[in-house]
Structure formats: structure tokens, C-alpha cells
Amino acid sequence: MFAFFSRSIAAKLLFVTGISIGLVLILANLALISQTGDRVQASTMEQSNAEAIAHEGKSLERSLSR
């Protein structure tokens, strides 16, 4: 490993560039995963609220028709 670092500056720049690109990709993926999770949670809550309201309305109609 030390032989690699004692080589040319081009090899060092390639190494640093590869690490930098990898970190940017990892951070971008983490941000996308977080946003997707938030969107799914919001969508799920919206859907469950809509279903609860619809179910509540049907229950009210049944009780009024008796």
C-alpha cells in the first residue's frame, strides 16, 4: 500500500477522486432513501385516513338506516 502512495501524483489523484465520487454517491443515495421513506409514509397515512373516513361514513349510513 505504501508503494502506491510513493508513486506519481496521477495515481494519488485517481485514488482521491475515486473516494470522493464514492462518497458523493453514497450520500446522494442516503438522501434519496430518506425522501422516499418520508413520501411513502405520508402517502400511507393519507390513504389510511381516506379509508377511515369512508368506513366511518358507511357505518353512519348503516346506523341511520336501522
Protein backbone atom coordinates (compact mmCIF):
# COMPACT_ATOMS: atom_id res chain seq x y z
CA MET A 1 0.00 0.00 0.00
CA PHE A 2 2.84 2.41 0.80
CA ALA A 3 4.35 1.71 -2.61
CA PHE A 4 1.14 3.01 -4.15
CA PHE A 5 1.38 6.32 -2.32
CA SER A 6 5.02 6.81 -3.22
CA ARG A 7 4.13 6.66 -6.93
CA SER A 8 3.15 9.54 -9.18
CA ILE A 9 0.74 12.28 -8.32
CA ALA A 10 -1.61 10.96 -11.01
CA ALA A 11 -2.15 7.76 -9.03
CA LYS A 12 -2.81 9.75 -5.89
CA LEU A 13 -5.30 11.98 -7.71
CA LEU A 14 -7.10 8.96 -9.15
CA PHE A 15 -7.37 7.44 -5.69
CA VAL A 16 -8.73 10.63 -4.11
CA THR A 17 -11.12 11.20 -7.00
CA GLY A 18 -12.48 7.66 -6.72
CA ILE A 19 -13.03 8.03 -2.99
CA SER A 20 -14.72 11.43 -3.47
CA ILE A 21 -17.09 10.14 -6.14
CA GLY A 22 -17.94 7.13 -4.00
CA LEU A 23 -18.77 9.33 -1.00
CA VAL A 24 -20.95 11.62 -3.10
CA LEU A 25 -22.87 8.64 -4.49
CA ILE A 26 -23.36 7.15 -1.03
CA LEU A 27 -24.60 10.46 0.41
CA ALA A 28 -26.95 11.02 -2.54
CA ASN A 29 -28.40 7.54 -2.13
CA LEU A 30 -28.94 8.08 1.59
CA ALA A 31 -30.78 11.34 0.86
CA LEU A 32 -32.97 9.64 -1.75
CA ILE A 33 -33.76 6.76 0.60
CA SER A 34 -34.78 9.19 3.32
CA GLN A 35 -37.01 11.20 0.97
CA THR A 36 -38.62 8.07 -0.42
CA GLY A 37 -39.37 6.80 3.08
CA ASP A 38 -40.98 10.11 4.01
CA ARG A 39 -43.11 10.11 0.85
CA VAL A 40 -44.25 6.54 1.38
CA GLN A 41 -45.16 7.27 4.98
CA ALA A 42 -47.13 10.39 4.00
CA SER A 43 -48.93 8.52 1.23
CA THR A 44 -49.76 5.62 3.53
CA MET A 45 -51.15 7.94 6.19
CA GLU A 46 -53.21 9.83 3.60
CA GLN A 47 -54.64 6.59 2.24
CA SER A 48 -55.43 5.21 5.69
CA ASN A 49 -57.16 8.45 6.69
CA ALA A 50 -59.24 8.37 3.50
CA GLU A 51 -60.23 4.76 4.15
CA ALA A 52 -61.09 5.54 7.78
CA ILE A 53 -63.31 8.43 6.73
CA ALA A 54 -65.02 6.26 4.10
CA HIS A 55 -65.53 3.46 6.61
CA GLU A 56 -66.88 5.90 9.18
CA GLY A 57 -69.36 7.26 6.63
CA LYS A 58 -70.60 3.77 5.78
CA SER A 59 -71.03 2.96 9.48
CA LEU A 60 -73.02 6.15 9.96
CA GLU A 61 -75.25 5.31 6.97
CA ARG A 62 -75.90 1.81 8.37
CA SER A 63 -76.81 3.13 11.79
CA LEU A 64 -79.16 5.74 10.31
CA SER A 65 -80.91 3.20 8.08
CA ARG A 66 -81.83 0.96 11.03
